[in-house]
Amino acid sequence: MQHLAGKRESTLGELSALLHDNAEPLPRPEDTANFAAHFDRFADAKVLMLGEATHGSREFYVARAAITRRMIERHGFTVVAVEADWPDAARIDDYVRHQAPRPQQDDSFVRFPTWMWRNLETLAFADWLRGHNEGLSEQQRVAFRGLDIYSLHQSMNAVIDYLGPRDAFAATEAKARYACLFPWREEPARYGHAIAHSGLAGCEDEVVAQLRSMLDRRTAALAGDGEEWFDAAQNARIVVAAESYYRALYRGAAESWNLRDRHMFATLQSLLAHGGDHTKAVVWAHNSHIGNASATAMGWRGEFNLGELCRMAHGDEAVAIGFGTDRGLVAAASEWGGPMEVKVIRPARSDSWEHAFRHAGFARSLTDWRSPSRRALAQSLRRSMLQRAIGVVYRPETELLSHYFEAVLADQFDAFVWFEDTRPVTPLSNQRPSGAPETWPFGL
């Protein structure tokens, strides 16, 4: 046993040395221009996917904002698509494209987990994007869009609100179709439970019929109603996808996961088509969504994801950059629906990718194995090791079971951004969250 442990340590030491030799040290992401300049090599992508190892680490948000600013200013990217609900992101989109004032405190991102997007880091990027868009024509302005599936109630209302002033009969018809789902709008997971355990017939036919009705109104887009119709049609698609998702919740985790990521991919494809042939998008989402699932335990148990579908659709024009950290503080809850806390991230396990990057010796780095000249590096990273994923819930007491999975890094991502130590995002709230230092939010 000692021989095996020593051999493993030797192998990990060799891996860390290899990462040290190939990593590029990065400045702090607050040094926007110098940090982002390292990412110009990825500007040939049509879809540039930027990950995160947690949903609550400040450095990931600031780094993605810096890279995205560079891609917009220098390389013609015109869509920012994020792992957020479409209607909430639409309020930010209206703001950054000068169609509405800055949203008020209770206008958007009020569903758990509020801190994931309602934070100072996202607000700073939105303010910058509004300023960038100010001098551009309406057609040239960069959009901020949501990809997710959880806005059943908001999306039904958005479809009805769109139809109301345009076609009273169509609005009444939409209300009648969505009436099937309205009793479940506040707790849609109960809808899936009722179908699985109580024999409820379900509402699939009704919501599909409403989507078809919306798509039949495409001529409205040709009559100067294009943006409003596109928004309403996307909300109708969300209702269809959400209805399927909540039905699938009780049939297995893989099926519901796949439905969600298929919807994210379809939404991204719609955004690219809506913008025209030359549209290029930056995607912000968790590593578990943007890294190729076929190179992870997720894929090995039958799940696929946005990153895998993008690779299939766009080939080398889809680039995925993973993000990782070893330790620090993170904004997360202890259970789903719980309050935000500032929690201590445990140092990474010794048999993980994060441990190897930590011992490469850099506080911040970029490791890129996409180019043909890096084939030897890619081959060395083509091994299965543990990788950590912290979402909106973090349970350090069961970390191995709750947050680690096997991954082959070279096939999962095209490059990896490393932050040895990370801090929590700052929520847009005056309340000091549980676990925060007394100097919150200004403590270092």
Protein backbone atom coordinates (compact mmCIF):
# COMPACT_ATOMS: atom_id res chain seq x y z
CA MET A 1 0.00 0.00 0.00
CA GLN A 2 2.83 2.40 0.81
CA HIS A 3 4.37 1.61 -2.58
CA LEU A 4 1.09 2.47 -4.35
CA ALA A 5 0.68 5.68 -2.36
CA GLY A 6 4.23 6.71 -3.17
CA LYS A 7 3.70 5.97 -6.86
CA ARG A 8 0.53 8.05 -6.88
CA GLU A 9 2.29 10.97 -5.21
CA SER A 10 5.08 10.72 -7.75
CA THR A 11 2.58 10.74 -10.63
CA LEU A 12 0.76 13.77 -9.20
CA GLY A 13 4.06 15.52 -8.68
CA GLU A 14 4.97 14.95 -12.32
CA LEU A 15 1.56 16.27 -13.37
CA SER A 16 1.96 19.42 -11.26
CA ALA A 17 5.42 19.98 -12.74
CA LEU A 18 3.96 19.63 -16.24
CA LEU A 19 1.23 22.13 -15.40
CA HIS A 20 3.83 24.51 -13.98
CA ASP A 21 5.83 24.36 -17.21
CA ASN A 22 2.80 24.98 -19.43
CA ALA A 23 0.72 27.42 -17.39
CA GLU A 24 0.75 31.15 -18.09
CA PRO A 25 0.61 33.30 -14.95
CA LEU A 26 -2.27 35.78 -15.00
CA PRO A 27 -2.62 39.19 -13.36
CA ARG A 28 -5.63 39.86 -11.17
CA PRO A 29 -8.85 39.98 -13.21
CA GLU A 30 -9.49 43.51 -11.92
CA ASP A 31 -6.59 44.48 -14.21
CA THR A 32 -9.08 44.04 -17.03
CA ALA A 33 -6.99 44.82 -20.10
CA ASN A 34 -3.89 42.85 -19.12
CA PHE A 35 -5.88 39.90 -17.83
CA ALA A 36 -8.15 39.67 -20.86
CA ALA A 37 -5.33 40.06 -23.41
CA HIS A 38 -4.30 36.46 -22.66
CA PHE A 39 -7.59 35.27 -24.18
CA ASP A 40 -7.33 36.85 -27.64
CA ARG A 41 -6.30 33.43 -28.97
CA PHE A 42 -9.90 32.22 -28.48
CA ALA A 43 -11.48 35.00 -30.54
CA ASP A 44 -11.95 32.72 -33.55
CA ALA A 45 -14.75 30.90 -31.71
CA LYS A 46 -18.37 31.33 -32.69
CA VAL A 47 -19.37 30.16 -29.20
CA LEU A 48 -16.94 30.91 -26.38
CA MET A 49 -18.06 29.15 -23.19
CA LEU A 50 -16.66 30.43 -19.89
CA GLY A 51 -17.23 28.22 -16.87
CA GLU A 52 -17.08 28.43 -13.10
CA ALA A 53 -16.36 25.83 -10.44
CA THR A 54 -18.88 27.43 -8.05
CA HIS A 55 -21.92 29.65 -8.47
CA GLY A 56 -20.71 32.04 -5.79
CA SER A 57 -17.04 32.97 -6.32
CA ARG A 58 -16.26 36.60 -7.11
CA GLU A 59 -13.13 35.89 -9.13
CA PHE A 60 -15.02 33.80 -11.68
CA TYR A 61 -17.54 36.59 -12.34
CA VAL A 62 -14.89 39.30 -12.61
CA ALA A 63 -12.71 37.15 -14.88
CA ARG A 64 -15.59 36.28 -17.20
CA ALA A 65 -16.58 39.93 -17.37
CA ALA A 66 -13.03 40.96 -18.30
CA ILE A 67 -12.75 38.31 -21.02
CA THR A 68 -16.21 39.12 -22.36
CA ARG A 69 -15.46 42.84 -22.53
CA ARG A 70 -12.39 42.03 -24.64
CA MET A 71 -14.38 39.76 -26.95
CA ILE A 72 -17.02 42.45 -27.44
CA GLU A 73 -14.64 45.39 -27.89
CA ARG A 74 -12.01 43.69 -30.04
CA HIS A 75 -13.53 40.62 -31.65
CA GLY A 76 -17.15 41.25 -32.65
CA PHE A 77 -19.09 39.17 -30.09
CA THR A 78 -22.66 40.47 -29.82
CA VAL A 79 -24.46 38.07 -27.45
CA VAL A 80 -23.80 37.28 -23.79
CA ALA A 81 -25.84 34.20 -22.85
CA VAL A 82 -25.90 33.20 -19.18
CA GLU A 83 -27.18 30.36 -17.01
CA ALA A 84 -30.19 32.39 -15.89
CA ASP A 85 -33.92 32.55 -16.57
CA TRP A 86 -34.95 34.28 -19.79
CA PRO A 87 -37.43 36.80 -18.28
CA ASP A 88 -34.98 37.90 -15.55
CA ALA A 89 -32.16 38.30 -18.05
CA ALA A 90 -34.56 40.18 -20.35
CA ARG A 91 -34.84 42.96 -17.75
CA ILE A 92 -31.05 43.28 -17.76
CA ASP A 93 -31.10 43.12 -21.56
CA ASP A 94 -33.60 45.98 -21.73
CA TYR A 95 -31.30 48.01 -19.48
CA VAL A 96 -28.04 47.34 -21.32
CA ARG A 97 -29.66 47.96 -24.73
CA HIS A 98 -31.21 51.26 -23.57
CA GLN A 99 -34.82 50.08 -23.72
CA ALA A 100 -35.49 50.54 -19.99
CA PRO A 101 -33.89 52.11 -16.89
CA ARG A 102 -31.84 50.03 -14.48
CA PRO A 103 -34.10 47.38 -12.84
CA GLN A 104 -35.26 48.06 -9.30
CA GLN A 105 -34.32 45.90 -6.32
CA ASP A 106 -37.30 43.52 -6.70
CA ASP A 107 -37.58 43.48 -10.50
CA SER A 108 -35.41 40.51 -11.38
CA PHE A 109 -33.66 37.42 -10.02
CA VAL A 110 -35.98 37.08 -7.04
CA ARG A 111 -36.13 33.27 -7.25
CA PHE A 112 -33.63 31.22 -5.23
CA PRO A 113 -30.67 31.57 -5.53
CA THR A 114 -30.91 35.35 -5.73
CA TRP A 115 -27.19 35.98 -5.15
CA MET A 116 -26.17 34.02 -8.26
CA TRP A 117 -26.97 36.96 -10.56
CA ARG A 118 -28.19 39.72 -8.27
CA ASN A 119 -24.71 40.68 -7.15
CA LEU A 120 -22.36 43.65 -7.49
CA GLU A 121 -20.15 41.80 -9.95
CA THR A 122 -22.99 41.22 -12.43
CA LEU A 123 -24.26 44.77 -11.93
CA ALA A 124 -20.81 46.19 -12.72
CA PHE A 125 -20.72 44.24 -15.98
CA ALA A 126 -24.26 45.32 -16.88
CA ASP A 127 -23.35 48.97 -16.27
CA TRP A 128 -20.27 48.59 -18.47
CA LEU A 129 -22.31 46.92 -21.22
CA ARG A 130 -24.89 49.70 -21.16
CA GLY A 131 -22.09 52.22 -21.57
CA HIS A 132 -20.58 50.23 -24.43
CA ASN A 133 -23.93 50.03 -26.21
CA GLU A 134 -24.68 53.73 -25.83
CA GLY A 135 -22.87 54.85 -28.95
CA LEU A 136 -24.09 52.00 -31.15
CA SER A 137 -27.15 51.66 -33.34
CA GLU A 138 -29.98 49.50 -32.04
CA GLN A 139 -28.99 46.68 -34.40
CA GLN A 140 -25.36 46.72 -33.23
CA ARG A 141 -26.00 46.66 -29.50
CA VAL A 142 -24.80 43.63 -27.55
CA ALA A 143 -27.56 41.53 -25.97
CA PHE A 144 -27.68 39.92 -22.52
CA ARG A 145 -29.80 36.75 -22.61
CA GLY A 146 -30.84 33.92 -20.29
CA LEU A 147 -30.64 30.25 -21.23
CA ASP A 148 -32.41 28.49 -18.38
CA ILE A 149 -35.72 26.73 -17.97
CA TYR A 150 -37.13 27.61 -14.55
CA SER A 151 -39.35 30.60 -15.39
CA LEU A 152 -42.63 28.73 -15.98
CA HIS A 153 -44.87 31.29 -14.26
CA GLN A 154 -43.11 34.37 -15.65
CA SER A 155 -42.98 32.93 -19.17
CA MET A 156 -46.70 32.09 -19.27
CA ASN A 157 -47.48 35.64 -18.18
CA ALA A 158 -45.09 37.06 -20.77
CA VAL A 159 -46.84 35.23 -23.62
CA ILE A 160 -50.25 36.48 -22.48
CA ASP A 161 -48.94 40.03 -21.98
CA TYR A 162 -47.52 40.06 -25.50
CA LEU A 163 -50.78 38.87 -27.08
CA GLY A 164 -53.12 41.05 -25.00
CA PRO A 165 -52.79 44.40 -26.80
CA ARG A 166 -52.31 42.77 -30.21
CA ASP A 167 -54.99 40.08 -30.38
CA ALA A 168 -57.56 39.81 -27.58
CA PHE A 169 -58.89 36.49 -28.87
CA ALA A 170 -55.40 34.96 -29.05
CA ALA A 171 -54.66 36.17 -25.52
CA THR A 172 -57.87 34.57 -24.23
CA GLU A 173 -56.95 31.36 -26.03
CA ALA A 174 -53.47 31.39 -24.44
CA LYS A 175 -55.00 31.87 -20.98
CA ALA A 176 -57.29 28.90 -21.57
CA ARG A 177 -54.39 26.68 -22.64
CA TYR A 178 -52.13 27.74 -19.78
CA ALA A 179 -54.97 27.31 -17.26
CA CYS A 180 -53.95 23.67 -17.11
CA LEU A 181 -50.60 24.67 -15.58
CA PHE A 182 -51.61 27.73 -13.58
CA PRO A 183 -52.51 25.79 -10.39
CA TRP A 184 -48.89 24.62 -10.27
CA ARG A 185 -47.21 27.90 -11.19
CA GLU A 186 -45.81 28.63 -7.71
CA GLU A 187 -44.52 25.08 -7.09
CA PRO A 188 -44.13 23.43 -10.49
CA ALA A 189 -42.28 20.42 -9.07
CA ARG A 190 -45.62 19.39 -7.54
CA TYR A 191 -47.00 19.17 -11.08
CA GLY A 192 -44.48 16.44 -11.92
CA HIS A 193 -45.25 14.67 -8.65
CA ALA A 194 -48.98 14.70 -9.40
CA ILE A 195 -48.39 13.15 -12.83
CA ALA A 196 -46.05 10.49 -11.44
CA HIS A 197 -48.07 9.56 -8.37
CA SER A 198 -51.65 10.81 -8.76
CA GLY A 199 -52.50 10.01 -12.37
CA LEU A 200 -52.73 13.63 -13.55
CA ALA A 201 -53.12 13.69 -17.32
CA GLY A 202 -50.63 16.50 -17.88
CA CYS A 203 -50.63 19.67 -19.97
CA GLU A 204 -48.25 18.82 -22.80
CA ASP A 205 -50.81 19.10 -25.61
CA GLU A 206 -52.00 22.52 -24.43
CA VAL A 207 -48.58 24.15 -24.12
CA VAL A 208 -47.38 22.69 -27.44
CA ALA A 209 -50.52 24.03 -29.13
CA GLN A 210 -49.76 27.49 -27.72
CA LEU A 211 -46.20 27.38 -29.00
CA ARG A 212 -47.47 26.44 -32.47
CA SER A 213 -49.88 29.34 -32.33
CA MET A 214 -47.01 31.70 -31.48
CA LEU A 215 -44.86 30.35 -34.29
CA ASP A 216 -47.75 30.88 -36.70
CA ARG A 217 -47.42 34.60 -35.90
CA ARG A 218 -43.99 34.83 -37.50
CA THR A 219 -45.40 37.34 -39.96
CA ALA A 220 -45.56 39.75 -37.01
CA ALA A 221 -41.77 39.74 -37.03
CA LEU A 222 -41.83 40.89 -40.64
CA ALA A 223 -44.20 43.71 -39.75
CA GLY A 224 -41.82 45.47 -37.37
CA ASP A 225 -42.65 43.44 -34.27
CA GLY A 226 -39.52 41.29 -34.46
CA GLU A 227 -37.88 41.71 -31.03
CA GLU A 228 -41.16 41.56 -29.12
CA TRP A 229 -42.30 38.48 -31.06
CA PHE A 230 -38.92 36.77 -30.58
CA ASP A 231 -39.12 37.34 -26.82
CA ALA A 232 -42.70 36.04 -26.62
CA ALA A 233 -41.97 33.01 -28.80
CA GLN A 234 -38.97 32.15 -26.63
CA ASN A 235 -41.17 32.35 -23.54
CA ALA A 236 -43.63 29.98 -25.20
CA ARG A 237 -40.74 27.58 -25.86
CA ILE A 238 -39.75 27.83 -22.20
CA VAL A 239 -43.26 26.84 -21.10
CA VAL A 240 -43.08 23.75 -23.32
CA ALA A 241 -39.59 22.85 -22.07
CA ALA A 242 -40.46 23.52 -18.42
CA GLU A 243 -43.61 21.39 -18.62
CA SER A 244 -41.51 18.51 -19.96
CA TYR A 245 -38.80 19.12 -17.39
CA TYR A 246 -41.11 18.98 -14.39
CA ARG A 247 -42.77 15.83 -15.73
CA ALA A 248 -39.33 14.25 -16.09
CA LEU A 249 -38.17 15.12 -12.55
CA TYR A 250 -39.75 11.96 -11.17
CA ARG A 251 -38.55 9.72 -13.98
CA GLY A 252 -34.85 10.12 -13.28
CA ALA A 253 -32.08 12.68 -12.83
CA ALA A 254 -30.47 12.02 -16.21
CA GLU A 255 -33.66 12.68 -18.17
CA SER A 256 -34.45 15.97 -16.41
CA TRP A 257 -30.82 17.13 -16.69
CA ASN A 258 -30.78 16.33 -20.41
CA LEU A 259 -34.04 18.19 -21.00
CA ARG A 260 -32.64 21.27 -19.27
CA ASP A 261 -29.37 21.32 -21.19
CA ARG A 262 -31.09 20.55 -24.49
CA HIS A 263 -33.26 23.61 -23.87
CA MET A 264 -30.19 25.74 -23.11
CA PHE A 265 -28.60 24.58 -26.35
CA ALA A 266 -31.77 25.22 -28.36
CA THR A 267 -32.03 28.71 -26.86
CA LEU A 268 -28.41 29.46 -27.76
CA GLN A 269 -29.01 28.24 -31.30
CA SER A 270 -32.08 30.48 -31.57
CA LEU A 271 -30.00 33.46 -30.43
CA LEU A 272 -27.32 32.75 -33.02
CA ALA A 273 -29.92 32.39 -35.78
CA HIS A 274 -31.80 35.50 -34.65
CA GLY A 275 -28.63 37.57 -34.84
CA GLY A 276 -27.62 36.40 -38.30
CA ASP A 277 -24.75 34.43 -39.81
CA HIS A 278 -21.96 36.46 -38.20
CA THR A 279 -23.31 36.35 -34.65
CA LYS A 280 -20.82 35.25 -31.99
CA ALA A 281 -21.79 34.45 -28.40
CA VAL A 282 -20.04 34.30 -25.04
CA VAL A 283 -21.69 31.85 -22.63
CA TRP A 284 -21.42 32.06 -18.84
CA ALA A 285 -22.39 28.82 -17.09
CA HIS A 286 -21.12 26.30 -14.59
CA ASN A 287 -18.31 23.96 -15.61
CA SER A 288 -20.81 21.10 -15.43
CA HIS A 289 -22.79 22.68 -18.28
CA ILE A 290 -20.03 23.96 -20.57
CA GLY A 291 -17.42 21.19 -20.28
CA ASN A 292 -17.96 18.25 -22.64
CA ALA A 293 -20.08 15.83 -20.59
CA SER A 294 -18.84 12.83 -22.56
CA ALA A 295 -15.46 13.28 -20.85
CA THR A 296 -16.96 13.10 -17.35
CA ALA A 297 -18.84 10.76 -15.05
CA MET A 298 -21.98 12.68 -16.05
CA GLY A 299 -21.71 11.44 -19.61
CA TRP A 300 -20.73 7.95 -18.54
CA ARG A 301 -24.07 7.64 -16.73
CA GLY A 302 -26.11 8.92 -19.68
CA GLU A 303 -26.18 12.70 -19.27
CA PHE A 304 -25.20 15.20 -21.95
CA ASN A 305 -24.84 18.95 -21.65
CA LEU A 306 -24.65 22.30 -23.41
CA GLY A 307 -20.92 22.02 -24.03
CA GLU A 308 -21.16 18.60 -25.65
CA LEU A 309 -24.02 19.70 -27.90
CA CYS A 310 -22.11 22.84 -28.91
CA ARG A 311 -19.10 20.76 -29.87
CA MET A 312 -21.29 18.51 -31.99
CA ALA A 313 -22.95 21.48 -33.70
CA HIS A 314 -20.02 23.90 -34.07
CA GLY A 315 -16.89 21.75 -33.97
CA ASP A 316 -13.71 23.77 -33.41
CA GLU A 317 -15.78 26.99 -33.41
CA ALA A 318 -17.04 26.00 -29.95
CA VAL A 319 -14.43 26.66 -27.25
CA ALA A 320 -14.92 25.72 -23.59
CA ILE A 321 -12.74 27.20 -20.84
CA GLY A 322 -13.08 25.68 -17.39
CA PHE A 323 -12.41 27.51 -14.13
CA GLY A 324 -11.13 26.09 -10.86
CA THR A 325 -10.10 26.98 -7.32
CA ASP A 326 -8.47 25.29 -4.36
CA ARG A 327 -9.82 27.11 -1.32
CA GLY A 328 -11.29 30.33 0.04
CA LEU A 329 -14.81 31.52 0.76
CA VAL A 330 -17.93 31.02 -1.35
CA ALA A 331 -21.50 32.29 -1.36
CA ALA A 332 -23.72 29.21 -1.11
CA ALA A 333 -26.61 27.69 0.82
CA SER A 334 -26.59 24.60 2.99
CA GLU A 335 -29.73 23.24 1.35
CA TRP A 336 -31.92 24.00 -1.64
CA GLY A 337 -34.06 27.05 -0.91
CA GLY A 338 -31.97 27.98 2.13
CA PRO A 339 -30.44 31.39 2.90
CA MET A 340 -27.15 32.44 1.43
CA GLU A 341 -24.16 31.85 3.69
CA VAL A 342 -20.47 32.61 3.33
CA LYS A 343 -18.89 29.18 3.58
CA VAL A 344 -15.26 28.03 3.77
CA ILE A 345 -14.10 25.99 0.77
CA ARG A 346 -12.00 23.08 1.89
CA PRO A 347 -8.60 22.63 0.23
CA ALA A 348 -8.93 20.23 -2.69
CA ARG A 349 -8.43 16.49 -2.29
CA SER A 350 -5.01 15.12 -3.13
CA ASP A 351 -6.44 12.93 -5.93
CA SER A 352 -8.08 15.85 -7.77
CA TRP A 353 -7.26 18.11 -10.71
CA GLU A 354 -7.48 21.07 -8.34
CA HIS A 355 -4.73 19.62 -6.17
CA ALA A 356 -2.47 19.28 -9.23
CA PHE A 357 -3.09 22.91 -10.25
CA ARG A 358 -2.49 24.11 -6.70
CA HIS A 359 0.91 22.44 -6.64
CA ALA A 360 1.79 23.88 -10.04
CA GLY A 361 2.64 26.94 -7.98
CA PHE A 362 0.63 29.85 -9.44
CA ALA A 363 -1.95 32.02 -7.70
CA ARG A 364 -3.67 32.57 -11.06
CA SER A 365 -2.96 30.93 -14.40
CA LEU A 366 -4.24 30.00 -17.86
CA THR A 367 -3.40 26.56 -19.25
CA ASP A 368 -4.26 26.11 -22.91
CA TRP A 369 -3.98 22.81 -24.78
CA ARG A 370 -6.14 23.61 -27.81
CA SER A 371 -3.40 24.32 -30.35
CA PRO A 372 -1.65 21.48 -32.25
CA SER A 373 1.64 22.53 -30.63
CA ARG A 374 0.20 21.48 -27.25
CA ARG A 375 -0.63 17.88 -28.19
CA ALA A 376 1.86 16.46 -25.70
CA LEU A 377 0.28 18.48 -22.90
CA ALA A 378 -3.21 17.41 -23.96
CA GLN A 379 -2.16 13.77 -23.97
CA SER A 380 -0.81 14.06 -20.43
CA LEU A 381 -4.13 15.59 -19.30
CA ARG A 382 -6.07 12.75 -20.88
CA ARG A 383 -6.46 10.84 -17.65
CA SER A 384 -9.40 10.47 -15.27
CA MET A 385 -9.16 12.31 -11.96
CA LEU A 386 -11.56 13.85 -9.50
CA GLN A 387 -12.89 17.36 -10.13
CA ARG A 388 -14.92 19.52 -7.74
CA ALA A 389 -18.23 21.17 -8.59
CA ILE A 390 -19.92 23.52 -6.12
CA GLY A 391 -23.30 24.83 -7.17
CA VAL A 392 -25.67 27.02 -5.17
CA VAL A 393 -25.53 24.44 -2.36
CA TYR A 394 -22.25 23.53 -0.69
CA ARG A 395 -21.98 20.68 1.82
CA PRO A 396 -18.34 20.47 2.92
CA GLU A 397 -19.19 17.77 5.46
CA THR A 398 -20.08 15.39 2.59
CA GLU A 399 -17.81 16.95 -0.01
CA LEU A 400 -16.55 13.79 -1.72
CA LEU A 401 -20.05 12.40 -2.25
CA SER A 402 -21.75 15.74 -2.95
CA HIS A 403 -19.22 17.69 -4.99
CA TYR A 404 -16.61 15.50 -6.67
CA PHE A 405 -16.85 13.56 -9.92
CA GLU A 406 -14.44 11.92 -12.35
CA ALA A 407 -13.33 13.91 -15.40
CA VAL A 408 -10.79 13.69 -18.23
CA LEU A 409 -9.67 17.31 -18.33
CA ALA A 410 -8.16 17.43 -21.84
CA ASP A 411 -11.40 16.19 -23.42
CA GLN A 412 -13.67 18.17 -21.11
CA PHE A 413 -12.27 21.65 -21.85
CA ASP A 414 -9.98 23.42 -24.30
CA ALA A 415 -8.25 25.43 -21.57
CA PHE A 416 -8.41 26.01 -17.82
CA VAL A 417 -8.29 29.17 -15.69
CA TRP A 418 -6.96 28.70 -12.17
CA PHE A 419 -7.49 30.78 -9.02
CA GLU A 420 -5.77 29.32 -5.98
CA ASP A 421 -7.86 31.35 -3.53
CA THR A 422 -11.33 32.82 -4.12
CA ARG A 423 -13.78 35.10 -2.34
CA PRO A 424 -17.59 35.22 -2.39
CA VAL A 425 -19.71 37.35 -4.67
CA THR A 426 -21.32 40.38 -3.05
CA PRO A 427 -25.13 40.18 -3.15
CA LEU A 428 -27.19 43.30 -3.79
CA SER A 429 -28.51 43.42 -0.26
CA ASN A 430 -27.66 45.32 2.89
CA GLN A 431 -28.04 42.20 5.02
CA ARG A 432 -24.80 40.56 6.15
CA PRO A 433 -25.14 36.84 5.34
CA SER A 434 -24.44 34.11 7.86
CA GLY A 435 -20.75 33.33 8.13
CA ALA A 436 -19.57 36.61 6.62
CA PRO A 437 -16.67 38.41 8.31
CA GLU A 438 -17.45 41.57 10.29
CA THR A 439 -15.87 43.64 7.50
CA TRP A 440 -18.41 42.26 4.94
CA PRO A 441 -18.46 43.05 2.04
CA PHE A 442 -15.10 44.85 2.11
CA GLY A 443 -12.95 42.35 4.01
CA LEU A 444 -10.09 40.71 2.12
